C-alpha atoms as a PDB file:
ATOM      1  CA  UNK A   1      68.334  89.579  83.842  1.00  0.00           C
ATOM      2  CA  UNK A   2      68.628  90.342  80.170  1.00  0.00           C
ATOM      3  CA  UNK A   3      71.884  90.561  78.357  1.00  0.00           C
ATOM      4  CA  UNK A   4      71.323  94.322  77.837  1.00  0.00           C
ATOM      5  CA  UNK A   5      71.286  94.891  81.630  1.00  0.00           C
ATOM      6  CA  UNK A   6      74.152  92.576  82.484  1.00  0.00           C
ATOM      7  CA  UNK A   7      77.241  94.489  83.698  1.00  0.00           C
ATOM      8  CA  UNK A   8      80.789  93.349  83.607  1.00  0.00           C
ATOM      9  CA  UNK A   9      81.899  96.254  85.772  1.00  0.00           C
ATOM     10  CA  UNK A  10      83.317  95.588  89.292  1.00  0.00           C
ATOM     11  CA  UNK A  11      84.115  97.710  92.354  1.00  0.00           C
ATOM     12  CA  UNK A  12      87.694  96.837  93.366  1.00  0.00           C
ATOM     13  CA  UNK A  13      88.202  98.200  96.929  1.00  0.00           C
ATOM     14  CA  UNK A  14      86.399 101.388  95.944  1.00  0.00           C
ATOM     15  CA  UNK A  15      87.949 101.630  92.523  1.00  0.00           C
ATOM     16  CA  UNK A  16      85.285 101.259  89.834  1.00  0.00           C
ATOM     17  CA  UNK A  17      86.456  99.260  86.809  1.00  0.00           C
ATOM     18  CA  UNK A  18      84.483  99.054  83.566  1.00  0.00           C
ATOM     19  CA  UNK A  19      85.753  95.564  83.139  1.00  0.00           C
ATOM     20  CA  UNK A  20      87.651  93.273  85.635  1.00  0.00           C
ATOM     21  CA  UNK A  21      90.689  93.124  83.402  1.00  0.00           C
ATOM     22  CA  UNK A  22      93.763  95.255  83.837  1.00  0.00           C
ATOM     23  CA  UNK A  23      97.077  95.385  81.956  1.00  0.00           C
ATOM     24  CA  UNK A  24      99.828  94.237  84.343  1.00  0.00           C
ATOM     25  CA  UNK A  25     102.701  96.457  85.369  1.00  0.00           C
ATOM     26  CA  UNK A  26     105.326  96.926  82.652  1.00  0.00           C
ATOM     27  CA  UNK A  27     103.446  95.240  79.920  1.00  0.00           C
ATOM     28  CA  UNK A  28     101.726  98.414  78.778  1.00  0.00           C
ATOM     29  CA  UNK A  29     105.018 100.410  78.956  1.00  0.00           C
ATOM     30  CA  UNK A  30     104.297 104.158  79.163  1.00  0.00           C
ATOM     31  CA  UNK A  31     100.939 103.567  77.399  1.00  0.00           C
ATOM     32  CA  UNK A  32     102.258 105.185  74.187  1.00  0.00           C
ATOM     33  CA  UNK A  33     103.464 101.795  72.983  1.00  0.00           C
ATOM     34  CA  UNK A  34      99.856 100.561  72.718  1.00  0.00           C
ATOM     35  CA  UNK A  35      98.413 103.523  70.834  1.00  0.00           C
ATOM     36  CA  UNK A  36      96.849 102.316  67.575  1.00  0.00           C
ATOM     37  CA  UNK A  37      96.998  98.687  68.801  1.00  0.00           C
ATOM     38  CA  UNK A  38      94.233  98.767  71.491  1.00  0.00           C
ATOM     39  CA  UNK A  39      91.881 101.353  72.807  1.00  0.00           C
ATOM     40  CA  UNK A  40      92.884 101.573  76.470  1.00  0.00           C
ATOM     41  CA  UNK A  41      89.440 102.945  77.437  1.00  0.00           C
ATOM     42  CA  UNK A  42      88.014  99.547  76.561  1.00  0.00           C
ATOM     43  CA  UNK A  43      90.283  97.969  79.147  1.00  0.00           C
ATOM     44  CA  UNK A  44      89.377  97.920  82.820  1.00  0.00           C
ATOM     45  CA  UNK A  45      92.674  99.783  83.698  1.00  0.00           C
ATOM     46  CA  UNK A  46      96.369  99.807  83.347  1.00  0.00           C
ATOM     47  CA  UNK A  47      99.060  99.417  85.898  1.00  0.00           C
ATOM     48  CA  UNK A  48     102.097 101.676  85.288  1.00  0.00           C
ATOM     49  CA  UNK A  49     105.518 100.273  84.912  1.00  0.00           C
ATOM     50  CA  UNK A  50     107.110 100.212  88.411  1.00  0.00           C
ATOM     51  CA  UNK A  51     108.266 103.700  89.422  1.00  0.00           C
ATOM     52  CA  UNK A  52     111.206 104.255  91.725  1.00  0.00           C
ATOM     53  CA  UNK A  53     112.309 107.272  93.707  1.00  0.00           C
ATOM     54  CA  UNK A  54     115.235 107.986  91.375  1.00  0.00           C
ATOM     55  CA  UNK A  55     115.666 107.179  87.674  1.00  0.00           C
ATOM     56  CA  UNK A  56     116.703 103.642  86.707  1.00  0.00           C
ATOM     57  CA  UNK A  57     118.463 102.689  83.476  1.00  0.00           C
ATOM     58  CA  UNK A  58     117.396  99.154  83.875  1.00  0.00           C
ATOM     59  CA  UNK A  59     119.179  95.871  83.256  1.00  0.00           C
ATOM     60  CA  UNK A  60     121.689  95.022  80.492  1.00  0.00           C
ATOM     61  CA  UNK A  61     120.158  93.291  77.537  1.00  0.00           C
ATOM     62  CA  UNK A  62     118.962  90.778  76.718  1.00  0.00           C
ATOM     63  CA  UNK A  63     116.022  91.337  79.034  1.00  0.00           C
ATOM     64  CA  UNK A  64     113.634  88.604  77.733  1.00  0.00           C
ATOM     65  CA  UNK A  65     114.209  84.966  76.904  1.00  0.00           C
ATOM     66  CA  UNK A  66     111.456  82.602  75.875  1.00  0.00           C
ATOM     67  CA  UNK A  67     110.789  79.464  77.962  1.00  0.00           C
ATOM     68  CA  UNK A  68     108.651  76.469  77.172  1.00  0.00           C
ATOM     69  CA  UNK A  69     105.551  78.059  78.780  1.00  0.00           C
ATOM     70  CA  UNK A  70     106.279  81.724  79.049  1.00  0.00           C
ATOM     71  CA  UNK A  71     109.297  84.005  79.429  1.00  0.00           C
ATOM     72  CA  UNK A  72     112.206  84.537  81.771  1.00  0.00           C
ATOM     73  CA  UNK A  73     112.826  88.301  82.046  1.00  0.00           C
ATOM     74  CA  UNK A  74     114.476  91.073  84.072  1.00  0.00           C
ATOM     75  CA  UNK A  75     113.984  94.777  83.160  1.00  0.00           C
ATOM     76  CA  UNK A  76     115.775  96.224  86.145  1.00  0.00           C
ATOM     77  CA  UNK A  77     112.688  98.413  86.615  1.00  0.00           C
ATOM     78  CA  UNK A  78     113.755 100.862  83.972  1.00  0.00           C
ATOM     79  CA  UNK A  79     111.862 104.081  84.551  1.00  0.00           C
ATOM     80  CA  UNK A  80     112.381 107.913  84.675  1.00  0.00           C
ATOM     81  CA  UNK A  81     111.946 108.247  88.505  1.00  0.00           C
ATOM     82  CA  UNK A  82     108.815 109.484  90.219  1.00  0.00           C
ATOM     83  CA  UNK A  83     109.239 113.232  89.480  1.00  0.00           C
ATOM     84  CA  UNK A  84     109.591 112.746  85.825  1.00  0.00           C
ATOM     85  CA  UNK A  85     106.806 110.141  85.806  1.00  0.00           C
ATOM     86  CA  UNK A  86     104.349 112.620  87.354  1.00  0.00           C
ATOM     87  CA  UNK A  87     105.428 115.355  84.994  1.00  0.00           C
ATOM     88  CA  UNK A  88     105.412 113.298  81.769  1.00  0.00           C
ATOM     89  CA  UNK A  89     104.068 109.757  81.789  1.00  0.00           C
ATOM     90  CA  UNK A  90     101.117 109.975  84.260  1.00  0.00           C
ATOM     91  CA  UNK A  91      99.140 112.690  82.379  1.00  0.00           C
ATOM     92  CA  UNK A  92      99.369 110.691  79.129  1.00  0.00           C
ATOM     93  CA  UNK A  93      98.390 107.451  80.884  1.00  0.00           C
ATOM     94  CA  UNK A  94      95.421 109.118  82.598  1.00  0.00           C
ATOM     95  CA  UNK A  95      94.227 110.667  79.385  1.00  0.00           C
ATOM     96  CA  UNK A  96      94.328 107.261  77.567  1.00  0.00           C
ATOM     97  CA  UNK A  97      92.953 104.989  80.301  1.00  0.00           C
ATOM     98  CA  UNK A  98      89.836 105.094  82.439  1.00  0.00           C
ATOM     99  CA  UNK A  99      91.772 103.784  85.503  1.00  0.00           C
ATOM    100  CA  UNK A 100      95.506 104.002  86.296  1.00  0.00           C
ATOM    101  CA  UNK A 101      97.140 102.081  89.052  1.00  0.00           C
ATOM    102  CA  UNK A 102     100.654 103.319  89.818  1.00  0.00           C
ATOM    103  CA  UNK A 103     103.133 100.566  90.667  1.00  0.00           C
ATOM    104  CA  UNK A 104     105.851 101.766  93.115  1.00  0.00           C
ATOM    105  CA  UNK A 105     109.031 100.087  94.183  1.00  0.00           C
ATOM    106  CA  UNK A 106     112.009 100.631  96.303  1.00  0.00           C
ATOM    107  CA  UNK A 107     114.905  99.239  98.210  1.00  0.00           C
ATOM    108  CA  UNK A 108     114.303 101.058 101.416  1.00  0.00           C
ATOM    109  CA  UNK A 109     111.319 102.222 103.490  1.00  0.00           C
ATOM    110  CA  UNK A 110     112.327 105.818 102.638  1.00  0.00           C
ATOM    111  CA  UNK A 111     111.996 105.104  98.962  1.00  0.00           C
ATOM    112  CA  UNK A 112     108.390 104.031  99.355  1.00  0.00           C
ATOM    113  CA  UNK A 113     107.542 106.981 101.549  1.00  0.00           C
ATOM    114  CA  UNK A 114     109.015 109.494  99.155  1.00  0.00           C
ATOM    115  CA  UNK A 115     107.252 108.075  96.169  1.00  0.00           C
ATOM    116  CA  UNK A 116     103.930 107.937  97.962  1.00  0.00           C
ATOM    117  CA  UNK A 117     104.319 111.535  99.060  1.00  0.00           C
ATOM    118  CA  UNK A 118     104.954 112.665  95.453  1.00  0.00           C
ATOM    119  CA  UNK A 119     101.849 110.825  94.205  1.00  0.00           C
ATOM    120  CA  UNK A 120      99.515 112.390  96.769  1.00  0.00           C
ATOM    121  CA  UNK A 121      96.654 114.298  95.261  1.00  0.00           C
ATOM    122  CA  UNK A 122      97.836 113.720  91.655  1.00  0.00           C
ATOM    123  CA  UNK A 123      95.063 113.570  89.083  1.00  0.00           C
ATOM    124  CA  UNK A 124      94.719 110.293  87.369  1.00  0.00           C
ATOM    125  CA  UNK A 125      96.013 108.106  90.214  1.00  0.00           C
ATOM    126  CA  UNK A 126      93.246 105.682  90.971  1.00  0.00           C
ATOM    127  CA  UNK A 127      95.288 103.378  93.209  1.00  0.00           C
ATOM    128  CA  UNK A 128      98.781 102.435  94.185  1.00  0.00           C
ATOM    129  CA  UNK A 129     100.210  99.007  93.666  1.00  0.00           C
ATOM    130  CA  UNK A 130     103.218  98.282  95.978  1.00  0.00           C
ATOM    131  CA  UNK A 131     105.915  96.155  94.244  1.00  0.00           C
ATOM    132  CA  UNK A 132     107.709  94.178  96.905  1.00  0.00           C
ATOM    133  CA  UNK A 133     109.887  91.809  94.864  1.00  0.00           C
ATOM    134  CA  UNK A 134     113.035  93.874  94.811  1.00  0.00           C
ATOM    135  CA  UNK A 135     116.097  93.631  97.155  1.00  0.00           C
ATOM    136  CA  UNK A 136     115.940  95.122 100.651  1.00  0.00           C
ATOM    137  CA  UNK A 137     119.086  97.351 100.933  1.00  0.00           C
ATOM    138  CA  UNK A 138     118.352  98.227 104.572  1.00  0.00           C
ATOM    139  CA  UNK A 139     118.050  94.634 105.896  1.00  0.00           C
ATOM    140  CA  UNK A 140     120.369  93.036 103.237  1.00  0.00           C
ATOM    141  CA  UNK A 141     117.623  90.625 102.054  1.00  0.00           C
ATOM    142  CA  UNK A 142     117.322  89.479  98.439  1.00  0.00           C
ATOM    143  CA  UNK A 143     113.487  89.979  98.344  1.00  0.00           C
ATOM    144  CA  UNK A 144     112.055  92.689 100.484  1.00  0.00           C
ATOM    145  CA  UNK A 145     108.505  91.442 100.357  1.00  0.00           C
ATOM    146  CA  UNK A 146     109.321  87.779 101.306  1.00  0.00           C
ATOM    147  CA  UNK A 147     109.262  88.637 105.009  1.00  0.00           C
ATOM    148  CA  UNK A 148     106.109  89.499 106.883  1.00  0.00           C
ATOM    149  CA  UNK A 149     107.786  92.029 109.164  1.00  0.00           C
ATOM    150  CA  UNK A 150     108.904  94.065 106.139  1.00  0.00           C
ATOM    151  CA  UNK A 151     105.554  93.723 104.384  1.00  0.00           C
ATOM    152  CA  UNK A 152     103.925  95.147 107.502  1.00  0.00           C
ATOM    153  CA  UNK A 153     106.343  98.002 107.652  1.00  0.00           C
ATOM    154  CA  UNK A 154     106.333  99.044 103.992  1.00  0.00           C
ATOM    155  CA  UNK A 155     102.661  98.478 103.214  1.00  0.00           C
ATOM    156  CA  UNK A 156     101.624 100.070 106.488  1.00  0.00           C
ATOM    157  CA  UNK A 157     103.572 103.210 105.737  1.00  0.00           C
ATOM    158  CA  UNK A 158     102.187 103.545 102.196  1.00  0.00           C
ATOM    159  CA  UNK A 159      98.616 102.844 103.368  1.00  0.00           C
ATOM    160  CA  UNK A 160      98.787 105.367 106.109  1.00  0.00           C
ATOM    161  CA  UNK A 161      99.965 108.041 103.687  1.00  0.00           C
ATOM    162  CA  UNK A 162      97.918 107.297 100.649  1.00  0.00           C
ATOM    163  CA  UNK A 163      94.706 109.117  99.706  1.00  0.00           C
ATOM    164  CA  UNK A 164      93.812 106.224  97.274  1.00  0.00           C
ATOM    165  CA  UNK A 165      93.441 102.507  97.729  1.00  0.00           C
ATOM    166  CA  UNK A 166      96.634 100.536  98.136  1.00  0.00           C
ATOM    167  CA  UNK A 167      97.279  97.000  96.721  1.00  0.00           C
ATOM    168  CA  UNK A 168     100.217  94.987  97.913  1.00  0.00           C
ATOM    169  CA  UNK A 169     101.727  92.839  95.033  1.00  0.00           C
ATOM    170  CA  UNK A 170     103.164  89.880  97.026  1.00  0.00           C
ATOM    171  CA  UNK A 171     106.049  87.846  95.779  1.00  0.00           C
ATOM    172  CA  UNK A 172     105.485  84.484  94.186  1.00  0.00           C
ATOM    173  CA  UNK A 173     106.959  81.238  95.500  1.00  0.00           C
ATOM    174  CA  UNK A 174     106.584  82.158  99.155  1.00  0.00           C
ATOM    175  CA  UNK A 175     104.283  81.472 102.152  1.00  0.00           C
ATOM    176  CA  UNK A 176     101.724  83.859 100.540  1.00  0.00           C
ATOM    177  CA  UNK A 177      99.001  83.447 103.194  1.00  0.00           C
ATOM    178  CA  UNK A 178     101.167  84.764 106.016  1.00  0.00           C
ATOM    179  CA  UNK A 179     102.275  87.649 103.790  1.00  0.00           C
ATOM    180  CA  UNK A 180      98.753  88.430 102.793  1.00  0.00           C
ATOM    181  CA  UNK A 181      97.605  88.538 106.378  1.00  0.00           C
ATOM    182  CA  UNK A 182     100.509  90.845 107.258  1.00  0.00           C
ATOM    183  CA  UNK A 183      99.590  93.214 104.365  1.00  0.00           C
ATOM    184  CA  UNK A 184      95.881  93.219 105.266  1.00  0.00           C
ATOM    185  CA  UNK A 185      96.635  94.007 108.965  1.00  0.00           C
ATOM    186  CA  UNK A 186      98.927  96.788 107.770  1.00  0.00           C
ATOM    187  CA  UNK A 187      96.069  98.525 105.903  1.00  0.00           C
ATOM    188  CA  UNK A 188      96.261  97.178 102.349  1.00  0.00           C
ATOM    189  CA  UNK A 189      92.981  97.729 100.502  1.00  0.00           C
ATOM    190  CA  UNK A 190      93.604  94.717  98.274  1.00  0.00           C
ATOM    191  CA  UNK A 191      96.247  92.238  97.171  1.00  0.00           C
ATOM    192  CA  UNK A 192      97.782  91.365  93.810  1.00  0.00           C
ATOM    193  CA  UNK A 193      98.729  87.617  93.639  1.00  0.00           C
ATOM    194  CA  UNK A 194     101.419  87.027  92.690  1.00  0.00           C
ATOM    195  CA  UNK A 195     104.528  88.737  91.422  1.00  0.00           C
ATOM    196  CA  UNK A 196     106.708  86.572  89.190  1.00  0.00           C
ATOM    197  CA  UNK A 197     108.791  83.879  90.902  1.00  0.00           C
ATOM    198  CA  UNK A 198     112.622  83.879  90.501  1.00  0.00           C
ATOM    199  CA  UNK A 199     113.908  81.979  87.481  1.00  0.00           C
ATOM    200  CA  UNK A 200     117.080  81.330  85.413  1.00  0.00           C
ATOM    201  CA  UNK A 201     117.575  80.854  81.695  1.00  0.00           C
ATOM    202  CA  UNK A 202     120.879  79.437  80.349  1.00  0.00           C
ATOM    203  CA  UNK A 203     122.516  80.114  77.039  1.00  0.00           C
ATOM    204  CA  UNK A 204     123.781  76.583  76.388  1.00  0.00           C
ATOM    205  CA  UNK A 205     125.986  77.560  73.423  1.00  0.00           C
ATOM    206  CA  UNK A 206     127.533  80.505  75.116  1.00  0.00           C
ATOM    207  CA  UNK A 207     127.826  78.694  78.413  1.00  0.00           C
ATOM    208  CA  UNK A 208     126.411  81.577  80.385  1.00  0.00           C
ATOM    209  CA  UNK A 209     123.147  83.007  81.766  1.00  0.00           C
ATOM    210  CA  UNK A 210     120.884  84.021  78.883  1.00  0.00           C
ATOM    211  CA  UNK A 211     119.825  87.286  80.496  1.00  0.00           C
ATOM    212  CA  UNK A 212     122.008  90.286  80.810  1.00  0.00           C
ATOM    213  CA  UNK A 213     121.054  90.521  84.448  1.00  0.00           C
ATOM    214  CA  UNK A 214     122.068  86.796  84.935  1.00  0.00           C
ATOM    215  CA  UNK A 215     118.999  85.864  86.893  1.00  0.00           C
ATOM    216  CA  UNK A 216     115.395  86.972  86.427  1.00  0.00           C
ATOM    217  CA  UNK A 217     111.704  86.139  86.815  1.00  0.00           C
ATOM    218  CA  UNK A 218     109.264  83.780  85.276  1.00  0.00           C
ATOM    219  CA  UNK A 219     106.012  85.014  83.626  1.00  0.00           C
ATOM    220  CA  UNK A 220     103.457  83.357  81.312  1.00  0.00           C
ATOM    221  CA  UNK A 221     101.061  80.399  81.194  1.00  0.00           C
ATOM    222  CA  UNK A 222     103.238  78.297  83.380  1.00  0.00           C
ATOM    223  CA  UNK A 223     102.217  80.429  86.358  1.00  0.00           C
ATOM    224  CA  UNK A 224      98.523  79.868  86.155  1.00  0.00           C
ATOM    225  CA  UNK A 225      98.215  76.838  88.454  1.00  0.00           C
ATOM    226  CA  UNK A 226     100.455  78.578  91.022  1.00  0.00           C
ATOM    227  CA  UNK A 227      98.408  81.732  90.855  1.00  0.00           C
ATOM    228  CA  UNK A 228      95.053  79.811  91.272  1.00  0.00           C
ATOM    229  CA  UNK A 229      96.334  78.057  94.384  1.00  0.00           C
ATOM    230  CA  UNK A 230      97.628  81.405  95.879  1.00  0.00           C
ATOM    231  CA  UNK A 231      94.269  83.071  95.145  1.00  0.00           C
ATOM    232  CA  UNK A 232      92.283  80.215  96.621  1.00  0.00           C
ATOM    233  CA  UNK A 233      94.369  79.965  99.771  1.00  0.00           C
ATOM    234  CA  UNK A 234      94.341  83.685 100.409  1.00  0.00           C
ATOM    235  CA  UNK A 235      90.663  83.978  99.700  1.00  0.00           C
ATOM    236  CA  UNK A 236      89.973  81.093 102.214  1.00  0.00           C
ATOM    237  CA  UNK A 237      92.037  82.992 104.849  1.00  0.00           C
ATOM    238  CA  UNK A 238      90.806  86.530 103.997  1.00  0.00           C
ATOM    239  CA  UNK A 239      87.366  86.048 102.263  1.00  0.00           C
ATOM    240  CA  UNK A 240      86.529  89.797 102.291  1.00  0.00           C
ATOM    241  CA  UNK A 241      89.866  91.005 100.920  1.00  0.00           C
ATOM    242  CA  UNK A 242      89.790  92.083  97.249  1.00  0.00           C
ATOM    243  CA  UNK A 243      92.153  89.975  95.275  1.00  0.00           C
ATOM    244  CA  UNK A 244      93.642  90.658  91.809  1.00  0.00           C
ATOM    245  CA  UNK A 245      94.883  87.565  89.958  1.00  0.00           C
ATOM    246  CA  UNK A 246      98.245  87.986  88.144  1.00  0.00           C
ATOM    247  CA  UNK A 247     100.012  85.132  86.318  1.00  0.00           C
ATOM    248  CA  UNK A 248      99.098  83.156  83.283  1.00  0.00           C
ATOM    249  CA  UNK A 249      95.890  84.874  82.315  1.00  0.00           C
ATOM    250  CA  UNK A 250      95.510  84.689  78.607  1.00  0.00           C
ATOM    251  CA  UNK A 251      91.839  83.933  77.902  1.00  0.00           C
ATOM    252  CA  UNK A 252      88.344  84.519  79.241  1.00  0.00           C
ATOM    253  CA  UNK A 253      88.372  81.001  80.633  1.00  0.00           C
ATOM    254  CA  UNK A 254      91.553  81.625  82.514  1.00  0.00           C
ATOM    255  CA  UNK A 255      90.061  84.806  84.073  1.00  0.00           C
ATOM    256  CA  UNK A 256      86.862  83.004  85.094  1.00  0.00           C
ATOM    257  CA  UNK A 257      88.936  80.215  86.794  1.00  0.00           C
ATOM    258  CA  UNK A 258      90.812  82.941  88.746  1.00  0.00           C
ATOM    259  CA  UNK A 259      87.460  84.476  89.794  1.00  0.00           C
ATOM    260  CA  UNK A 260      86.036  81.110  90.781  1.00  0.00           C
ATOM    261  CA  UNK A 261      89.126  80.670  93.033  1.00  0.00           C
ATOM    262  CA  UNK A 262      88.427  84.019  94.699  1.00  0.00           C
ATOM    263  CA  UNK A 263      89.699  86.919  92.520  1.00  0.00           C
ATOM    264  CA  UNK A 264      87.673  90.039  91.963  1.00  0.00           C
ATOM    265  CA  UNK A 265      89.704  91.083  88.951  1.00  0.00           C
ATOM    266  CA  UNK A 266      92.684  89.890  86.825  1.00  0.00           C
ATOM    267  CA  UNK A 267      95.871  91.336  85.285  1.00  0.00           C
ATOM    268  CA  UNK A 268      97.055  90.429  81.923  1.00  0.00           C
ATOM    269  CA  UNK A 269     100.782  90.575  81.232  1.00  0.00           C
ATOM    270  CA  UNK A 270     102.575  88.327  78.799  1.00  0.00           C
ATOM    271  CA  UNK A 271      99.377  87.874  76.697  1.00  0.00           C
ATOM    272  CA  UNK A 272      99.392  91.582  76.083  1.00  0.00           C
ATOM    273  CA  UNK A 273     102.907  91.417  74.748  1.00  0.00           C
ATOM    274  CA  UNK A 274     101.852  88.772  72.236  1.00  0.00           C
ATOM    275  CA  UNK A 275      98.473  90.314  71.398  1.00  0.00           C
ATOM    276  CA  UNK A 276      97.778  93.873  72.621  1.00  0.00           C
ATOM    277  CA  UNK A 277      94.040  93.404  72.273  1.00  0.00           C
ATOM    278  CA  UNK A 278      94.067  90.337  74.669  1.00  0.00           C
ATOM    279  CA  UNK A 279      92.565  92.342  77.640  1.00  0.00           C
ATOM    280  CA  UNK A 280      89.497  93.296  75.489  1.00  0.00           C
ATOM    281  CA  UNK A 281      89.088  89.691  74.201  1.00  0.00           C
ATOM    282  CA  UNK A 282      89.388  88.279  77.764  1.00  0.00           C
ATOM    283  CA  UNK A 283      86.704  90.706  78.922  1.00  0.00           C
ATOM    284  CA  UNK A 284      84.442  89.464  76.203  1.00  0.00           C
ATOM    285  CA  UNK A 285      85.158  85.934  77.295  1.00  0.00           C
ATOM    286  CA  UNK A 286      84.036  86.770  80.793  1.00  0.00           C
ATOM    287  CA  UNK A 287      80.804  88.198  79.398  1.00  0.00           C
ATOM    288  CA  UNK A 288      80.184  84.979  77.508  1.00  0.00           C
ATOM    289  CA  UNK A 289      80.576  83.025  80.764  1.00  0.00           C
ATOM    290  CA  UNK A 290      78.076  85.243  82.573  1.00  0.00           C
ATOM    291  CA  UNK A 291      75.610  84.684  79.825  1.00  0.00           C
ATOM    292  CA  UNK A 292      76.191  80.948  79.867  1.00  0.00           C
ATOM    293  CA  UNK A 293      75.578  80.850  83.660  1.00  0.00           C
ATOM    294  CA  UNK A 294      72.723  83.388  83.464  1.00  0.00           C
ATOM    295  CA  UNK A 295      74.251  85.610  86.122  1.00  0.00           C
ATOM    296  CA  UNK A 296      74.506  89.339  86.170  1.00  0.00           C
ATOM    297  CA  UNK A 297      77.915  90.202  87.381  1.00  0.00           C
ATOM    298  CA  UNK A 298      81.529  88.834  87.654  1.00  0.00           C
ATOM    299  CA  UNK A 299      81.157  89.245  91.490  1.00  0.00           C
ATOM    300  CA  UNK A 300      78.801  86.306  91.416  1.00  0.00           C
ATOM    301  CA  UNK A 301      81.675  84.016  90.324  1.00  0.00           C
ATOM    302  CA  UNK A 302      84.001  85.041  93.124  1.00  0.00           C
ATOM    303  CA  UNK A 303      85.080  82.144  95.330  1.00  0.00           C
ATOM    304  CA  UNK A 304      82.591  79.616  94.065  1.00  0.00           C
ATOM    305  CA  UNK A 305      85.417  77.012  94.075  1.00  0.00           C
ATOM    306  CA  UNK A 306      86.933  76.248  97.476  1.00  0.00           C
ATOM    307  CA  UNK A 307      89.853  74.208  98.545  1.00  0.00           C
ATOM    308  CA  UNK A 308      88.465  72.945 101.774  1.00  0.00           C
ATOM    309  CA  UNK A 309      87.476  69.301 102.234  1.00  0.00           C
ATOM    310  CA  UNK A 310      86.597  68.084  98.722  1.00  0.00           C
ATOM    311  CA  UNK A 311      83.304  66.347  98.320  1.00  0.00           C
ATOM    312  CA  UNK A 312      83.556  62.837  96.811  1.00  0.00           C
ATOM    313  CA  UNK A 313      82.703  62.540  93.133  1.00  0.00           C
ATOM    314  CA  UNK A 314      79.655  60.393  92.285  1.00  0.00           C
ATOM    315  CA  UNK A 315      81.859  57.534  90.998  1.00  0.00           C
ATOM    316  CA  UNK A 316      83.834  57.672  94.330  1.00  0.00           C
ATOM    317  CA  UNK A 317      80.590  57.444  96.305  1.00  0.00           C
ATOM    318  CA  UNK A 318      79.590  54.343  94.312  1.00  0.00           C
ATOM    319  CA  UNK A 319      82.952  52.650  95.046  1.00  0.00           C
END
């Protein structure tokens, strides 16, 4: 196939993406922050900041602290609430981006149900991403989505109501395969792997936590090996489930590795904060890899690397 006919577009659980690169939740802000820095229509899509049922003022500053291979952060999910989001932010996002995934979060099942109800039939909503890393106020658990029973309940409720595909964003640092199976059985259209794992940064001089929220989450290049293993393990367990890789993607090479592990698409987070054009550059890197391999689509990369029994290398065979 000639380069002119080669397509980088993918079908993600029925959502067409011009490129398999999305901007991760929170990293594109309201979309306005990126105006003049990157043309969002050249990006596969954008995931909104996580929207809650009621407005949230977010965490006390500081909210981001650099680490050796990324950042430790906590925003407290600052957002205007679902009603104000639909009235103000969603139309602007939809006008700027080809594809908008709306990230939703809550502390109770009722929160998720209410948000999903408000989003029904809204122009510009291509899919819903269910954020599951917050505390569970009903069952008094620190991370709602770390338990298969709650994943089943929340994802199932959203999937039954939603008119658009639903992606469950599973917590990092957990038994991700069991959670993935629970989300799939509950009706998730796809999975995002993985949300940031819990982390702590310390202000040594001040002798206190460095974040205003005390504890937070780790994002950045350090997560890439963890993400690759999660993608590979879940792809092995659920080979037909669309997977979106999130964690440590900052180059076309990183994105290709995620696809080889089993991802259909990737999300770019911290790299976008450093360079807003990173999602476009990463997409170009994927095109270069397709050309190098003489293949016509990113789908041809998916799952080419498995983590079953490893075949011995030639030097091992000679030993």
